[in-house]
Amino acid sequence: MNDMTQPKAQFRHMKDGTAEDWNIIADNFGEFGKGLPGRIMDHLKLLQGDFGGFQVDRYTHCLQTATLAYRDGKDEEYVVCALLHDIGDTLGSYNHADVAAVLLEPFVSEANRWMVAHHAIFQGYYFFHHLGMDRDMRQQYRDHPYFSRTIEFVSKYDSPAFDPDGEVLPLEFFEPMIQKVFSKPVRSLYKQTVDKVE
């Protein structure tokens, strides 16, 4: 929440902003950014109760995917990507993988971003043909350096994570990993400003 007593920029049109105005905004941006991990977790919880025809709800699926990756020894960044790979289902019902990848992009490696962005196409191997689609659509990426990585993600962690009897670690278990991954962008238009504010 914004405190009405806090300093505010004086301009009403960006063209009139001064360095002082923009420093006030940058300070506020830094504080707002610190709350991102909490907002991410709150948004993930919106998937609770949404089964979409599956045996587990989308929230449980995300937790189970992350649990499988964690138990298999994947690093924290990878596990967070596994946890959030379907976070886009709420607002990006027709491009959920793209939405998740965009949220993760400033904070993760290109390998992990690409894996999340393309997982929907890769998992299609298991069901596209039942819907009149091309199950081999992922073959267009056969020569891509992250092809095998994404195959592994969907086959070992994403696709088997619809098991009502499978292990599901709670969100609280993953919270420190989320806090760490989202603590500071590794690439962003605003990275220089973020670095200066800290």
C-alpha atoms as a PDB file:
ATOM      1  CA  MET A   1       0.000   0.000   0.000  1.00  0.00           C
ATOM      2  CA  ASN A   2       1.150   3.507  -0.761  1.00  0.00           C
ATOM      3  CA  ASP A   3       1.506   5.854   2.177  1.00  0.00           C
ATOM      4  CA  MET A   4      -0.087   9.175   1.224  1.00  0.00           C
ATOM      5  CA  THR A   5       2.625  10.997   3.204  1.00  0.00           C
ATOM      6  CA  GLN A   6       5.457   9.566   1.090  1.00  0.00           C
ATOM      7  CA  PRO A   7       7.100  11.840  -1.503  1.00  0.00           C
ATOM      8  CA  LYS A   8       5.627  11.664  -4.974  1.00  0.00           C
ATOM      9  CA  ALA A   9       6.830  12.800  -8.376  1.00  0.00           C
ATOM     10  CA  GLN A  10       5.388  16.183  -9.338  1.00  0.00           C
ATOM     11  CA  PHE A  11       4.849  15.698 -13.072  1.00  0.00           C
ATOM     12  CA  ARG A  12       1.552  14.903 -14.766  1.00  0.00           C
ATOM     13  CA  HIS A  13       3.163  14.004 -18.094  1.00  0.00           C
ATOM     14  CA  MET A  14       6.379  11.966 -18.316  1.00  0.00           C
ATOM     15  CA  LYS A  15       8.036  14.593 -20.496  1.00  0.00           C
ATOM     16  CA  ASP A  16       8.010  16.981 -17.526  1.00  0.00           C
ATOM     17  CA  GLY A  17       9.708  14.592 -15.086  1.00  0.00           C
ATOM     18  CA  THR A  18      12.888  15.691 -13.329  1.00  0.00           C
ATOM     19  CA  ALA A  19      15.770  13.611 -11.997  1.00  0.00           C
ATOM     20  CA  GLU A  20      14.340  14.107  -8.508  1.00  0.00           C
ATOM     21  CA  ASP A  21      10.952  12.805  -9.677  1.00  0.00           C
ATOM     22  CA  TRP A  22      12.477   9.732 -11.254  1.00  0.00           C
ATOM     23  CA  ASN A  23      14.615   8.977  -8.203  1.00  0.00           C
ATOM     24  CA  ILE A  24      11.451   9.003  -6.082  1.00  0.00           C
ATOM     25  CA  ILE A  25       9.856   6.584  -8.541  1.00  0.00           C
ATOM     26  CA  ALA A  26      12.967   4.369  -8.626  1.00  0.00           C
ATOM     27  CA  ASP A  27      12.960   4.136  -4.816  1.00  0.00           C
ATOM     28  CA  ASN A  28       9.299   3.088  -4.869  1.00  0.00           C
ATOM     29  CA  PHE A  29       9.989   0.616  -7.663  1.00  0.00           C
ATOM     30  CA  GLY A  30      12.676  -1.026  -5.543  1.00  0.00           C
ATOM     31  CA  GLU A  31      10.332  -1.434  -2.598  1.00  0.00           C
ATOM     32  CA  PHE A  32       7.532  -2.758  -4.805  1.00  0.00           C
ATOM     33  CA  GLY A  33       9.936  -5.234  -6.401  1.00  0.00           C
ATOM     34  CA  LYS A  34      10.748  -6.747  -3.018  1.00  0.00           C
ATOM     35  CA  GLY A  35       7.143  -7.917  -2.767  1.00  0.00           C
ATOM     36  CA  LEU A  36       7.271  -9.842  -6.046  1.00  0.00           C
ATOM     37  CA  PRO A  37       7.892 -13.294  -4.506  1.00  0.00           C
ATOM     38  CA  GLY A  38       4.787 -12.921  -2.341  1.00  0.00           C
ATOM     39  CA  ARG A  39       2.675 -11.804  -5.279  1.00  0.00           C
ATOM     40  CA  ILE A  40       3.942 -14.749  -7.337  1.00  0.00           C
ATOM     41  CA  MET A  41       2.927 -17.200  -4.598  1.00  0.00           C
ATOM     42  CA  ASP A  42      -0.478 -15.553  -4.199  1.00  0.00           C
ATOM     43  CA  HIS A  43      -1.073 -15.837  -7.931  1.00  0.00           C
ATOM     44  CA  LEU A  44      -0.021 -19.490  -7.966  1.00  0.00           C
ATOM     45  CA  LYS A  45      -2.636 -20.176  -5.286  1.00  0.00           C
ATOM     46  CA  LEU A  46      -5.337 -19.013  -7.710  1.00  0.00           C
ATOM     47  CA  LEU A  47      -4.906 -22.426  -9.368  1.00  0.00           C
ATOM     48  CA  GLN A  48      -6.307 -24.164  -6.267  1.00  0.00           C
ATOM     49  CA  GLY A  49      -9.545 -25.982  -6.969  1.00  0.00           C
ATOM     50  CA  ASP A  50      -9.200 -25.702 -10.754  1.00  0.00           C
ATOM     51  CA  PHE A  51      -9.157 -29.323 -11.904  1.00  0.00           C
ATOM     52  CA  GLY A  52      -9.839 -28.727 -15.597  1.00  0.00           C
ATOM     53  CA  GLY A  53     -10.808 -32.388 -15.960  1.00  0.00           C
ATOM     54  CA  PHE A  54      -7.578 -33.712 -14.420  1.00  0.00           C
ATOM     55  CA  GLN A  55      -7.375 -35.894 -11.287  1.00  0.00           C
ATOM     56  CA  VAL A  56      -5.529 -33.163  -9.385  1.00  0.00           C
ATOM     57  CA  ASP A  57      -6.067 -29.418  -9.468  1.00  0.00           C
ATOM     58  CA  ARG A  58      -3.606 -27.210 -11.317  1.00  0.00           C
ATOM     59  CA  TYR A  59      -2.063 -25.993  -8.047  1.00  0.00           C
ATOM     60  CA  THR A  60      -1.318 -29.554  -6.921  1.00  0.00           C
ATOM     61  CA  HIS A  61       0.063 -30.316 -10.380  1.00  0.00           C
ATOM     62  CA  CYS A  62       2.522 -27.418 -10.086  1.00  0.00           C
ATOM     63  CA  LEU A  63       3.612 -28.473  -6.596  1.00  0.00           C
ATOM     64  CA  GLN A  64       3.984 -32.091  -7.702  1.00  0.00           C
ATOM     65  CA  THR A  65       6.036 -31.106 -10.750  1.00  0.00           C
ATOM     66  CA  ALA A  66       8.388 -29.110  -8.521  1.00  0.00           C
ATOM     67  CA  THR A  67       8.522 -31.946  -5.985  1.00  0.00           C
ATOM     68  CA  LEU A  68       9.572 -34.424  -8.662  1.00  0.00           C
ATOM     69  CA  ALA A  69      12.293 -32.073  -9.927  1.00  0.00           C
ATOM     70  CA  TYR A  70      13.514 -31.399  -6.388  1.00  0.00           C
ATOM     71  CA  ARG A  71      13.625 -35.099  -5.474  1.00  0.00           C
ATOM     72  CA  ASP A  72      15.599 -35.726  -8.664  1.00  0.00           C
ATOM     73  CA  GLY A  73      18.297 -33.291  -7.538  1.00  0.00           C
ATOM     74  CA  LYS A  74      17.565 -30.335  -9.811  1.00  0.00           C
ATOM     75  CA  ASP A  75      18.916 -26.966  -8.672  1.00  0.00           C
ATOM     76  CA  GLU A  76      16.726 -24.313  -7.038  1.00  0.00           C
ATOM     77  CA  GLU A  77      16.231 -22.241 -10.185  1.00  0.00           C
ATOM     78  CA  TYR A  78      15.060 -25.292 -12.123  1.00  0.00           C
ATOM     79  CA  VAL A  79      12.732 -26.327  -9.281  1.00  0.00           C
ATOM     80  CA  VAL A  80      11.171 -22.847  -9.206  1.00  0.00           C
ATOM     81  CA  CYS A  81      10.641 -23.046 -12.971  1.00  0.00           C
ATOM     82  CA  ALA A  82       8.969 -26.420 -12.478  1.00  0.00           C
ATOM     83  CA  LEU A  83       6.765 -24.926  -9.772  1.00  0.00           C
ATOM     84  CA  LEU A  84       5.701 -21.950 -11.873  1.00  0.00           C
ATOM     85  CA  HIS A  85       5.539 -23.531 -15.327  1.00  0.00           C
ATOM     86  CA  ASP A  86       1.713 -23.399 -15.383  1.00  0.00           C
ATOM     87  CA  ILE A  87       1.190 -20.153 -13.442  1.00  0.00           C
ATOM     88  CA  GLY A  88      -0.021 -18.605 -16.689  1.00  0.00           C
ATOM     89  CA  ASP A  89      -3.138 -20.815 -16.771  1.00  0.00           C
ATOM     90  CA  THR A  90      -5.260 -18.139 -15.075  1.00  0.00           C
ATOM     91  CA  LEU A  91      -4.674 -15.195 -17.424  1.00  0.00           C
ATOM     92  CA  GLY A  92      -3.043 -16.959 -20.378  1.00  0.00           C
ATOM     93  CA  SER A  93      -5.458 -19.797 -20.938  1.00  0.00           C
ATOM     94  CA  TYR A  94      -4.448 -19.977 -24.609  1.00  0.00           C
ATOM     95  CA  ASN A  95      -0.720 -19.283 -24.135  1.00  0.00           C
ATOM     96  CA  HIS A  96       0.048 -20.262 -20.545  1.00  0.00           C
ATOM     97  CA  ALA A  97       3.627 -21.334 -21.248  1.00  0.00           C
ATOM     98  CA  ASP A  98       4.454 -17.938 -22.752  1.00  0.00           C
ATOM     99  CA  VAL A  99       3.020 -16.129 -19.720  1.00  0.00           C
ATOM    100  CA  ALA A 100       5.048 -18.236 -17.287  1.00  0.00           C
ATOM    101  CA  ALA A 101       8.221 -17.747 -19.320  1.00  0.00           C
ATOM    102  CA  VAL A 102       7.778 -13.967 -19.375  1.00  0.00           C
ATOM    103  CA  LEU A 103       7.386 -13.856 -15.577  1.00  0.00           C
ATOM    104  CA  LEU A 104      10.522 -15.957 -15.121  1.00  0.00           C
ATOM    105  CA  GLU A 105      12.645 -14.366 -17.858  1.00  0.00           C
ATOM    106  CA  PRO A 106      14.344 -11.596 -15.826  1.00  0.00           C
ATOM    107  CA  PHE A 107      15.394 -14.061 -13.130  1.00  0.00           C
ATOM    108  CA  VAL A 108      16.434 -17.325 -14.779  1.00  0.00           C
ATOM    109  CA  SER A 109      18.848 -18.680 -17.358  1.00  0.00           C
ATOM    110  CA  GLU A 110      17.921 -18.712 -21.024  1.00  0.00           C
ATOM    111  CA  ALA A 111      17.907 -22.525 -20.873  1.00  0.00           C
ATOM    112  CA  ASN A 112      15.232 -22.547 -18.194  1.00  0.00           C
ATOM    113  CA  ARG A 113      13.224 -19.736 -19.788  1.00  0.00           C
ATOM    114  CA  TRP A 114      13.182 -21.569 -23.132  1.00  0.00           C
ATOM    115  CA  MET A 115      12.188 -24.829 -21.473  1.00  0.00           C
ATOM    116  CA  VAL A 116       9.201 -23.213 -19.763  1.00  0.00           C
ATOM    117  CA  ALA A 117       8.200 -21.247 -22.871  1.00  0.00           C
ATOM    118  CA  HIS A 118       8.103 -24.399 -25.014  1.00  0.00           C
ATOM    119  CA  HIS A 119       6.864 -27.037 -22.576  1.00  0.00           C
ATOM    120  CA  ALA A 120       3.286 -26.859 -23.902  1.00  0.00           C
ATOM    121  CA  ILE A 121       4.399 -27.845 -27.395  1.00  0.00           C
ATOM    122  CA  PHE A 122       6.678 -30.595 -26.073  1.00  0.00           C
ATOM    123  CA  GLN A 123       4.075 -32.179 -23.801  1.00  0.00           C
ATOM    124  CA  GLY A 124       1.721 -32.242 -26.789  1.00  0.00           C
ATOM    125  CA  TYR A 125       3.496 -35.421 -27.846  1.00  0.00           C
ATOM    126  CA  TYR A 126       1.358 -37.248 -25.290  1.00  0.00           C
ATOM    127  CA  PHE A 127      -2.052 -35.945 -26.379  1.00  0.00           C
ATOM    128  CA  PHE A 128      -2.126 -33.706 -29.465  1.00  0.00           C
ATOM    129  CA  HIS A 129      -3.018 -36.659 -31.719  1.00  0.00           C
ATOM    130  CA  HIS A 130      -6.136 -37.302 -29.617  1.00  0.00           C
ATOM    131  CA  LEU A 131      -7.297 -33.777 -30.430  1.00  0.00           C
ATOM    132  CA  GLY A 132      -6.564 -33.835 -34.154  1.00  0.00           C
ATOM    133  CA  MET A 133      -3.264 -32.014 -33.742  1.00  0.00           C
ATOM    134  CA  ASP A 134       0.292 -32.946 -34.681  1.00  0.00           C
ATOM    135  CA  ARG A 135       1.889 -34.750 -31.753  1.00  0.00           C
ATOM    136  CA  ASP A 136       5.319 -34.295 -33.361  1.00  0.00           C
ATOM    137  CA  MET A 137       5.086 -30.508 -33.435  1.00  0.00           C
ATOM    138  CA  ARG A 138       8.091 -30.377 -31.101  1.00  0.00           C
ATOM    139  CA  GLN A 139      10.275 -31.923 -33.804  1.00  0.00           C
ATOM    140  CA  GLN A 140      10.645 -28.490 -35.392  1.00  0.00           C
ATOM    141  CA  TYR A 141      13.039 -27.776 -32.517  1.00  0.00           C
ATOM    142  CA  ARG A 142      15.037 -31.001 -32.912  1.00  0.00           C
ATOM    143  CA  ASP A 143      18.307 -29.097 -33.487  1.00  0.00           C
ATOM    144  CA  HIS A 144      17.755 -26.529 -30.749  1.00  0.00           C
ATOM    145  CA  PRO A 145      20.294 -26.691 -27.885  1.00  0.00           C
ATOM    146  CA  TYR A 146      17.494 -26.957 -25.277  1.00  0.00           C
ATOM    147  CA  PHE A 147      15.480 -29.644 -27.056  1.00  0.00           C
ATOM    148  CA  SER A 148      16.670 -32.509 -24.839  1.00  0.00           C
ATOM    149  CA  ARG A 149      16.328 -30.398 -21.707  1.00  0.00           C
ATOM    150  CA  THR A 150      12.677 -29.697 -22.492  1.00  0.00           C
ATOM    151  CA  ILE A 151      11.983 -33.341 -23.370  1.00  0.00           C
ATOM    152  CA  GLU A 152      13.364 -34.299 -19.968  1.00  0.00           C
ATOM    153  CA  PHE A 153      11.245 -31.690 -18.193  1.00  0.00           C
ATOM    154  CA  VAL A 154       7.966 -32.812 -19.710  1.00  0.00           C
ATOM    155  CA  SER A 155       8.692 -36.549 -19.516  1.00  0.00           C
ATOM    156  CA  LYS A 156      10.171 -36.732 -15.994  1.00  0.00           C
ATOM    157  CA  TYR A 157       8.459 -33.924 -14.096  1.00  0.00           C
ATOM    158  CA  ASP A 158       5.519 -32.266 -15.865  1.00  0.00           C
ATOM    159  CA  SER A 159       3.657 -35.174 -17.481  1.00  0.00           C
ATOM    160  CA  PRO A 160       3.743 -37.591 -14.494  1.00  0.00           C
ATOM    161  CA  ALA A 161       2.577 -34.881 -12.046  1.00  0.00           C
ATOM    162  CA  PHE A 162      -1.153 -35.628 -12.241  1.00  0.00           C
ATOM    163  CA  ASP A 163      -1.035 -38.377  -9.638  1.00  0.00           C
ATOM    164  CA  PRO A 164      -3.440 -37.980  -6.695  1.00  0.00           C
ATOM    165  CA  ASP A 165      -1.271 -40.437  -4.763  1.00  0.00           C
ATOM    166  CA  GLY A 166       2.041 -38.772  -5.651  1.00  0.00           C
ATOM    167  CA  GLU A 167       4.203 -36.800  -3.247  1.00  0.00           C
ATOM    168  CA  VAL A 168       3.373 -33.105  -3.030  1.00  0.00           C
ATOM    169  CA  LEU A 169       5.596 -30.849  -0.987  1.00  0.00           C
ATOM    170  CA  PRO A 170       3.758 -27.743   0.293  1.00  0.00           C
ATOM    171  CA  LEU A 171       4.298 -24.273  -1.153  1.00  0.00           C
ATOM    172  CA  GLU A 172       5.975 -23.231   2.104  1.00  0.00           C
ATOM    173  CA  PHE A 173       8.753 -25.705   1.342  1.00  0.00           C
ATOM    174  CA  PHE A 174       9.519 -23.910  -1.916  1.00  0.00           C
ATOM    175  CA  GLU A 175       9.135 -20.382  -0.550  1.00  0.00           C
ATOM    176  CA  PRO A 176      12.850 -19.851   0.261  1.00  0.00           C
ATOM    177  CA  MET A 177      13.719 -20.925  -3.300  1.00  0.00           C
ATOM    178  CA  ILE A 178      11.170 -18.502  -4.740  1.00  0.00           C
ATOM    179  CA  GLN A 179      12.527 -15.708  -2.547  1.00  0.00           C
ATOM    180  CA  LYS A 180      16.059 -16.439  -3.725  1.00  0.00           C
ATOM    181  CA  VAL A 181      15.283 -16.744  -7.456  1.00  0.00           C
ATOM    182  CA  PHE A 182      13.140 -13.596  -7.499  1.00  0.00           C
ATOM    183  CA  SER A 183      15.440 -11.559  -5.263  1.00  0.00           C
ATOM    184  CA  LYS A 184      17.249  -9.806  -8.097  1.00  0.00           C
ATOM    185  CA  PRO A 185      16.909  -9.845 -11.880  1.00  0.00           C
ATOM    186  CA  VAL A 186      19.815 -11.237 -13.871  1.00  0.00           C
ATOM    187  CA  ARG A 187      18.536  -9.543 -17.025  1.00  0.00           C
ATOM    188  CA  SER A 188      16.008  -6.777 -17.328  1.00  0.00           C
ATOM    189  CA  LEU A 189      15.525  -3.419 -18.973  1.00  0.00           C
ATOM    190  CA  TYR A 190      15.688  -1.984 -15.443  1.00  0.00           C
ATOM    191  CA  LYS A 191      18.608  -4.069 -14.134  1.00  0.00           C
ATOM    192  CA  GLN A 192      21.019  -1.127 -13.964  1.00  0.00           C
ATOM    193  CA  THR A 193      18.536   0.880 -11.911  1.00  0.00           C
ATOM    194  CA  VAL A 194      17.839  -2.055  -9.604  1.00  0.00           C
ATOM    195  CA  ASP A 195      21.573  -2.564  -9.080  1.00  0.00           C
ATOM    196  CA  LYS A 196      22.025   1.123  -8.229  1.00  0.00           C
ATOM    197  CA  VAL A 197      19.136   1.223  -5.727  1.00  0.00           C
ATOM    198  CA  GLU A 198      20.443  -1.773  -3.750  1.00  0.00           C
END
